[in-house]
Protein backbone atom coordinates (compact mmCIF):
# COMPACT_ATOMS: atom_id res chain seq x y z
CA MET A 1 -34.23 23.35 4.96
CA ALA A 2 -32.34 21.88 7.88
CA ASP A 3 -29.08 21.89 5.89
CA GLU A 4 -29.58 25.55 4.99
CA LYS A 5 -30.07 26.43 8.65
CA LYS A 6 -26.87 24.55 9.62
CA ALA A 7 -24.95 26.33 6.89
CA ARG A 8 -26.07 29.75 8.21
CA ASP A 9 -25.31 29.00 11.87
CA PRO A 10 -21.85 30.44 12.72
CA GLU A 11 -21.50 27.86 15.54
CA SER A 12 -22.24 24.93 13.25
CA PRO A 13 -19.49 22.32 12.74
CA TYR A 14 -20.98 21.90 9.27
CA LEU A 15 -20.08 25.52 8.43
CA SER A 16 -16.63 25.15 9.97
CA HIS A 17 -16.03 22.12 7.79
CA ILE A 18 -17.00 24.01 4.63
CA VAL A 19 -14.81 26.99 5.58
CA GLY A 20 -11.91 24.71 6.44
CA ASP A 21 -12.14 22.89 3.12
CA THR A 22 -12.34 26.17 1.22
CA LEU A 23 -9.27 27.60 2.95
CA ARG A 24 -7.34 24.38 2.43
CA ASN A 25 -8.21 24.31 -1.26
CA LEU A 26 -7.15 27.93 -1.69
CA THR A 27 -3.89 27.31 0.16
CA GLU A 28 -3.18 24.24 -1.96
CA LYS A 29 -3.90 26.12 -5.18
CA ARG A 30 -1.60 29.02 -4.23
CA LEU A 31 1.16 26.68 -3.12
CA LEU A 32 0.95 24.74 -6.37
CA GLU A 33 1.38 28.00 -8.28
CA LEU A 34 4.52 28.82 -6.26
CA VAL A 35 5.98 25.33 -6.65
CA ARG A 36 5.55 25.47 -10.42
CA GLN A 37 7.64 28.66 -10.56
CA ALA A 38 10.83 27.00 -9.27
CA PRO A 39 12.83 23.83 -9.99
CA VAL A 40 11.52 20.67 -8.32
CA PRO A 41 13.75 17.82 -7.09
CA SER A 42 15.06 15.69 -9.94
CA HIS A 43 15.16 12.72 -7.57
CA LEU A 44 12.76 12.54 -4.63
CA ALA A 45 13.20 9.77 -2.05
CA ILE A 46 10.52 9.08 0.55
CA ILE A 47 10.56 7.13 3.81
CA MET A 48 6.94 6.07 4.14
CA ASP A 49 6.58 5.77 7.91
CA GLY A 50 3.57 5.59 10.20
CA ASN A 51 1.23 2.93 8.80
CA ARG A 52 0.97 1.01 12.06
CA ARG A 53 0.51 4.09 14.25
CA PHE A 54 -2.07 5.44 11.82
CA ALA A 55 -4.01 2.19 12.16
CA GLY A 56 -3.69 2.07 15.94
CA ALA A 57 -4.96 5.62 16.37
CA ARG A 58 -8.10 4.71 14.41
CA GLY A 59 -8.80 1.33 15.93
CA LEU A 60 -7.80 -0.48 12.72
CA ASN A 61 -5.67 -3.56 12.39
CA VAL A 62 -2.13 -3.34 11.04
CA LYS A 63 -3.12 -4.81 7.68
CA ASP A 64 -5.62 -1.99 7.17
CA GLY A 65 -2.90 0.54 8.00
CA HIS A 66 -0.61 -0.88 5.33
CA ALA A 67 -3.49 -0.93 2.82
CA ALA A 68 -4.13 2.76 3.55
CA GLY A 69 -0.43 3.43 3.02
CA ARG A 70 -0.61 1.71 -0.36
CA ASP A 71 -3.46 4.02 -1.36
CA THR A 72 -1.39 7.07 -0.39
CA LEU A 73 1.47 5.78 -2.53
CA GLU A 74 -0.92 5.61 -5.49
CA GLU A 75 -1.74 9.28 -4.93
CA LEU A 76 1.92 10.19 -4.52
CA LEU A 77 2.71 8.87 -7.97
CA ASN A 78 0.04 11.18 -9.39
CA TRP A 79 1.46 14.17 -7.50
CA CYS A 80 4.96 13.49 -8.81
CA LEU A 81 3.68 13.21 -12.37
CA GLU A 82 1.82 16.48 -11.93
CA LEU A 83 5.07 18.27 -10.99
CA GLN A 84 7.20 16.26 -13.42
CA ILE A 85 9.46 14.87 -10.71
CA ARG A 86 11.34 12.41 -12.90
CA ILE A 87 12.76 10.00 -10.32
CA LEU A 88 10.89 8.73 -7.27
CA THR A 89 12.36 6.22 -4.81
CA VAL A 90 10.22 4.94 -1.95
CA TYR A 91 11.31 2.95 1.10
CA ALA A 92 8.71 0.19 1.24
CA PHE A 93 10.30 -2.59 3.31
CA SER A 94 13.64 -2.65 5.08
CA THR A 95 15.78 -5.67 5.91
CA GLU A 96 14.99 -4.95 9.57
CA ASN A 97 11.26 -5.30 8.83
CA LEU A 98 11.80 -9.03 8.30
CA SER A 99 11.92 -9.38 12.09
CA ARG A 100 8.28 -8.31 12.45
CA SER A 101 5.58 -10.85 13.21
CA PRO A 102 5.12 -13.56 10.54
CA GLU A 103 1.51 -12.46 10.08
CA GLU A 104 2.48 -8.85 9.33
CA VAL A 105 5.34 -9.82 7.02
CA GLU A 106 3.10 -12.26 5.13
CA GLY A 107 0.45 -9.57 4.73
CA LEU A 108 3.02 -7.13 3.38
CA MET A 109 4.34 -9.71 0.93
CA ASP A 110 0.79 -10.23 -0.36
CA LEU A 111 0.45 -6.47 -0.77
CA PHE A 112 3.77 -6.18 -2.66
CA ASP A 113 2.91 -9.15 -4.85
CA HIS A 114 -0.42 -7.67 -5.95
CA ALA A 115 0.88 -4.09 -6.23
CA LEU A 116 3.78 -5.04 -8.50
CA ARG A 117 1.56 -7.11 -10.77
CA ASP A 118 -0.95 -4.27 -10.91
CA ILE A 119 1.66 -1.67 -11.77
CA ALA A 120 2.83 -3.78 -14.72
CA VAL A 121 -0.54 -3.11 -16.38
CA ASP A 122 -1.19 0.34 -14.89
CA GLU A 123 -2.35 2.71 -17.63
CA ARG A 124 -0.48 5.63 -16.04
CA VAL A 125 2.79 3.75 -16.11
CA HIS A 126 2.60 3.06 -19.83
CA ARG A 127 1.13 6.43 -20.79
CA HIS A 128 3.88 8.33 -18.96
CA GLN A 129 6.59 5.77 -19.78
CA ILE A 130 7.63 5.07 -16.20
CA ARG A 131 10.37 2.55 -15.63
CA VAL A 132 9.72 0.49 -12.49
CA ARG A 133 12.55 -1.13 -10.55
CA VAL A 134 13.04 -2.76 -7.18
CA LEU A 135 16.15 -2.01 -5.10
CA GLY A 136 17.19 -4.47 -2.44
CA ASN A 137 18.15 -8.03 -1.58
CA ARG A 138 15.58 -9.97 -3.59
CA SER A 139 16.92 -13.34 -2.45
CA VAL A 140 15.19 -12.98 0.94
CA LEU A 141 11.78 -12.33 -0.64
CA PRO A 142 9.21 -15.06 -1.36
CA ALA A 143 9.28 -16.57 -4.85
CA ARG A 144 5.91 -15.04 -5.73
CA VAL A 145 7.20 -11.53 -4.93
CA GLN A 146 10.38 -12.13 -6.92
CA GLU A 147 8.21 -13.22 -9.83
CA ALA A 148 6.04 -10.08 -9.50
CA ILE A 149 9.19 -7.93 -9.50
CA GLY A 150 10.28 -9.53 -12.76
CA ILE A 151 6.88 -8.93 -14.34
CA ALA A 152 6.86 -5.22 -13.39
CA GLU A 153 10.46 -4.62 -14.45
CA ARG A 154 10.18 -6.42 -17.79
CA ALA A 155 6.96 -4.58 -18.64
CA THR A 156 8.66 -1.18 -18.20
CA GLU A 157 12.36 -1.79 -18.87
CA HIS A 158 12.48 0.28 -22.07
CA TYR A 159 10.88 3.40 -20.58
CA THR A 160 13.03 6.45 -19.86
CA ALA A 161 10.69 9.39 -19.17
CA TYR A 162 10.24 8.64 -15.45
CA GLN A 163 11.77 6.23 -12.97
CA TYR A 164 9.89 4.70 -10.05
CA ASN A 165 12.09 2.74 -7.64
CA VAL A 166 10.79 0.63 -4.78
CA ALA A 167 13.28 -0.16 -2.01
CA LEU A 168 12.19 -3.64 -0.94
CA ALA A 169 14.18 -5.83 1.49
CA TYR A 170 16.59 -2.91 1.42
CA GLY A 171 19.24 -1.84 3.90
CA GLY A 172 21.76 0.93 3.30
CA ARG A 173 24.57 -0.71 5.26
CA ASP A 174 23.98 -4.04 3.55
CA GLU A 175 24.09 -2.30 0.18
CA ILE A 176 27.49 -0.78 1.00
CA VAL A 177 28.81 -4.12 2.30
CA GLN A 178 27.72 -5.83 -0.92
CA ALA A 179 29.50 -3.11 -2.92
CA ILE A 180 32.71 -3.60 -0.90
CA ARG A 181 32.59 -7.35 -1.51
CA ALA A 182 32.15 -6.84 -5.26
CA ILE A 183 35.07 -4.40 -5.35
CA ALA A 184 37.22 -6.82 -3.33
CA ARG A 185 36.51 -9.57 -5.86
CA GLU A 186 37.51 -7.27 -8.72
CA VAL A 187 40.79 -6.44 -6.98
CA ARG A 188 41.44 -10.12 -6.23
CA ASP A 189 40.82 -11.07 -9.86
CA GLY A 190 43.12 -8.32 -11.14
CA GLY A 191 40.38 -6.27 -12.72
CA LEU A 192 40.81 -3.25 -10.46
CA ASP A 193 43.84 -1.51 -9.00
CA PRO A 194 43.27 -0.73 -5.27
CA ASP A 195 44.59 2.79 -5.89
CA ALA A 196 41.79 3.29 -8.43
CA ILE A 197 39.07 2.77 -5.82
CA ASP A 198 37.23 6.05 -5.28
CA SER A 199 33.69 7.21 -4.56
CA ASP A 200 32.68 6.64 -8.18
CA ALA A 201 33.89 3.05 -7.97
CA VAL A 202 31.72 2.46 -4.92
CA SER A 203 28.71 4.12 -6.53
CA ARG A 204 29.02 1.85 -9.56
CA HIS A 205 28.44 -1.17 -7.34
CA LEU A 206 25.32 0.08 -5.54
CA TYR A 207 21.70 -0.78 -6.37
CA THR A 208 21.37 2.82 -7.58
CA ARG A 209 24.42 2.65 -9.86
CA ASP A 210 22.74 4.41 -12.80
CA LEU A 211 20.66 6.87 -10.77
CA PRO A 212 21.61 10.36 -9.60
CA ASP A 213 21.71 10.83 -5.84
CA PRO A 214 18.45 12.07 -4.30
CA ASP A 215 17.96 15.81 -4.02
CA LEU A 216 15.36 15.52 -1.27
CA ILE A 217 14.66 12.80 1.30
CA PHE A 218 11.22 13.24 2.84
CA ARG A 219 10.12 11.25 5.90
CA THR A 220 6.67 11.14 7.45
CA SER A 221 5.51 10.25 11.01
CA GLY A 222 7.55 12.78 12.99
CA GLU A 223 10.70 10.66 13.27
CA GLU A 224 13.85 12.59 12.31
CA ARG A 225 16.28 9.96 11.07
CA ILE A 226 16.89 8.17 7.77
CA SER A 227 16.81 4.62 9.19
CA ASN A 228 19.40 2.91 7.00
CA PHE A 229 17.95 4.35 3.79
CA LEU A 230 20.28 5.42 0.95
CA LEU A 231 23.15 6.00 3.37
CA TRP A 232 25.82 6.52 0.70
CA GLN A 233 23.53 8.39 -1.70
CA SER A 234 22.14 10.84 0.87
CA ALA A 235 25.46 12.62 1.53
CA TYR A 236 24.23 15.94 0.11
CA ALA A 237 20.48 15.41 0.07
CA GLU A 238 18.16 17.88 1.70
CA LEU A 239 16.11 16.33 4.51
CA TYR A 240 12.48 17.15 5.28
CA PHE A 241 10.46 15.67 8.12
CA SER A 242 6.70 15.83 8.57
CA ASP A 243 4.61 14.90 11.61
CA VAL A 244 1.83 13.41 9.48
CA MET A 245 1.56 9.62 9.36
CA TRP A 246 2.15 8.22 5.89
CA PRO A 247 -1.44 7.10 5.16
CA GLY A 248 -2.67 10.56 6.19
CA LEU A 249 -0.37 12.46 3.84
CA THR A 250 -2.25 14.93 1.64
CA ARG A 251 -1.40 16.76 -1.54
CA LEU A 252 -0.99 19.91 0.55
CA ASP A 253 1.55 18.17 2.82
CA PHE A 254 3.44 17.02 -0.27
CA LEU A 255 3.49 20.49 -1.81
CA ARG A 256 4.77 21.97 1.46
CA ALA A 257 7.70 19.55 1.39
CA ILE A 258 8.57 20.45 -2.20
CA ARG A 259 8.26 24.16 -1.47
CA ALA A 260 10.51 23.85 1.58
CA PHE A 261 13.13 22.21 -0.64
CA GLN A 262 12.86 25.04 -3.18
CA GLU A 263 13.40 27.68 -0.51
CA ARG A 264 16.67 26.16 0.71
CA ARG A 265 20.08 27.17 -0.53
CA ARG A 266 21.91 23.96 -1.25
CA ARG A 267 25.62 23.78 -0.36
CA PHE A 268 27.25 20.63 -1.64
CA GLY A 269 29.81 20.00 1.07
CA GLY A 270 29.68 23.60 2.28
């Protein structure tokens, strides 16, 4: 009886909550219909930013913030499958992140270790034939994380329907430097004429050598920069920035980003 009275009271927060949820669901449903009527990004790259601020705003510790971010990433994979976005690349841990406190880095390494081992046996991954790969300087990662990377990659290496790339111990400038060094060695050894060095030659030496460049780079948390992520590959990518912290990202936020991409007129170099 009390619940019925609250539901009838126009001043009731309970009623406002119901109305808000209903409007949000209707908006999400309509947006999904629109998104399905136009091409989606072939390659979506995401800078998952805001875990620590999300935690701080809620009185949580940093570890809890990263755990919440992991849960959002699980949802993101479902959303991409729903829209048949074939290639997803997420920025999970930069080379600069190694300078954070030992406690935070250790906690993140535990999270990556468990997540990679879990994804190797994830039913979704095998049902949808998702190839999982890690992009970055693996040599700086703990042995247990390197082992987990190998387990995830070997379990999915023959899949071709979808690609899920995790940028781990990754830095865009470092990636380009490593490519330059490899090219220099080829020239030194006589395997490459310096006059034959072009953008394709550089691309062949990047972590993403067999991937198309991203169509859309989406960053959360309100920051409007790409923070050393896919510097070479992002030359013609569309950029989308959202104020929401990564762990708070919703399906509606995601659909808004995809719809914004669809409404843009892409000019490659124009």
